[in-house]
Amino acid sequence: MTSTNPAGPDPAARPKRRTFSPEYKLRVVAEYDAALKNEKGAVLRRQVERLEKELVRNQAALEVLGRASALLEMISEGAG
C-alpha cells in the first residue's frame, strides 16, 4: 500500500488566506461613508495603494524564504 503523503512537510504549502478584522472593515467603510461624493474613489485608491505595497513586501519575503530553503536543501544534500 502506498502513502498519498510525501515524506516530510510540503515546502510549497498553500498560503494562508488573508483576513481582515471587523474593526478594520468598519474603519474603511466609515472612512468611505464620511468622504465627499467626489472623494470616495480616492479613499479606495489609498486602500489599494497600501495593499499593493504590502503585496510587494510579502512577495519579496517569499522570494527570500524560497532562496533560503533552496540553500538549506543544497547544504543538506551535500552533507548526506
Protein backbone atom coordinates (compact mmCIF):
# COMPACT_ATOMS: atom_id res chain seq x y z
CA MET A 1 0.00 0.00 0.00
CA THR A 2 1.43 3.39 -0.97
CA SER A 3 1.09 6.56 1.03
CA THR A 4 -0.50 9.62 -0.54
CA ASN A 5 1.53 11.93 1.70
CA PRO A 6 5.10 12.67 0.64
CA ALA A 7 7.85 12.26 3.18
CA GLY A 8 8.18 15.40 5.29
CA PRO A 9 6.22 18.62 5.19
CA ASP A 10 5.28 20.20 1.88
CA PRO A 11 7.67 23.15 1.33
CA ALA A 12 5.19 24.73 -1.08
CA ALA A 13 2.18 24.61 1.23
CA ARG A 14 -0.76 26.78 0.29
CA PRO A 15 -0.55 30.29 1.70
CA LYS A 16 -2.96 31.28 4.42
CA ARG A 17 -5.85 33.35 3.17
CA ARG A 18 -5.73 36.92 4.41
CA THR A 19 -8.45 38.01 6.77
CA PHE A 20 -9.38 41.45 7.93
CA SER A 21 -10.69 42.23 11.38
CA PRO A 22 -14.20 43.60 11.76
CA GLU A 23 -12.66 46.77 13.22
CA TYR A 24 -10.57 47.30 10.08
CA LYS A 25 -13.57 46.73 7.82
CA LEU A 26 -15.69 49.17 9.82
CA ARG A 27 -12.91 51.77 9.72
CA VAL A 28 -12.66 51.53 5.91
CA VAL A 29 -16.45 51.70 5.47
CA ALA A 30 -16.69 54.66 7.88
CA GLU A 31 -13.92 56.49 6.01
CA TYR A 32 -15.68 55.80 2.71
CA ASP A 33 -19.06 56.94 4.05
CA ALA A 34 -17.55 60.11 5.53
CA ALA A 35 -15.85 61.09 2.27
CA LEU A 36 -17.48 63.59 -0.02
CA LYS A 37 -19.01 62.21 -3.21
CA ASN A 38 -16.03 63.21 -5.34
CA GLU A 39 -13.51 61.81 -2.80
CA LYS A 40 -14.88 58.27 -2.46
CA GLY A 41 -12.66 56.97 -5.25
CA ALA A 42 -9.60 58.44 -3.54
CA VAL A 43 -10.39 56.52 -0.36
CA LEU A 44 -10.46 53.27 -2.30
CA ARG A 45 -7.30 54.17 -4.22
CA ARG A 46 -5.40 54.78 -0.92
CA GLN A 47 -6.56 51.38 0.27
CA VAL A 48 -5.41 49.78 -3.00
CA GLU A 49 -2.06 51.57 -2.85
CA ARG A 50 -1.43 50.34 0.71
CA LEU A 51 -2.36 46.77 -0.21
CA GLU A 52 -0.14 46.86 -3.31
CA LYS A 53 2.83 47.95 -1.18
CA GLU A 54 2.07 45.16 1.28
CA LEU A 55 1.89 42.67 -1.59
CA VAL A 56 5.30 43.72 -2.94
CA ARG A 57 6.81 43.37 0.54
CA ASN A 58 5.26 39.92 1.01
CA GLN A 59 6.44 38.75 -2.40
CA ALA A 60 9.99 39.83 -1.58
CA ALA A 61 9.84 37.96 1.72
CA LEU A 62 8.61 34.81 -0.05
CA GLU A 63 11.44 35.06 -2.56
CA VAL A 64 13.99 35.31 0.26
CA LEU A 65 12.43 32.33 2.05
CA GLY A 66 12.47 30.32 -1.17
CA ARG A 67 16.15 31.05 -1.73
CA ALA A 68 16.95 30.18 1.90
CA SER A 69 15.02 26.93 1.57
CA ALA A 70 16.88 26.01 -1.63
CA LEU A 71 20.21 26.83 0.03
CA LEU A 72 19.38 24.69 3.05
CA GLU A 73 18.36 21.85 0.77
CA MET A 74 21.66 22.07 -1.13
CA ILE A 75 23.58 22.06 2.14
CA SER A 76 21.69 19.05 3.49
CA GLU A 77 22.22 17.13 0.22
CA GLY A 78 25.93 17.88 0.35
CA ALA A 79 26.20 16.68 3.94
CA GLY A 80 24.38 13.41 3.26
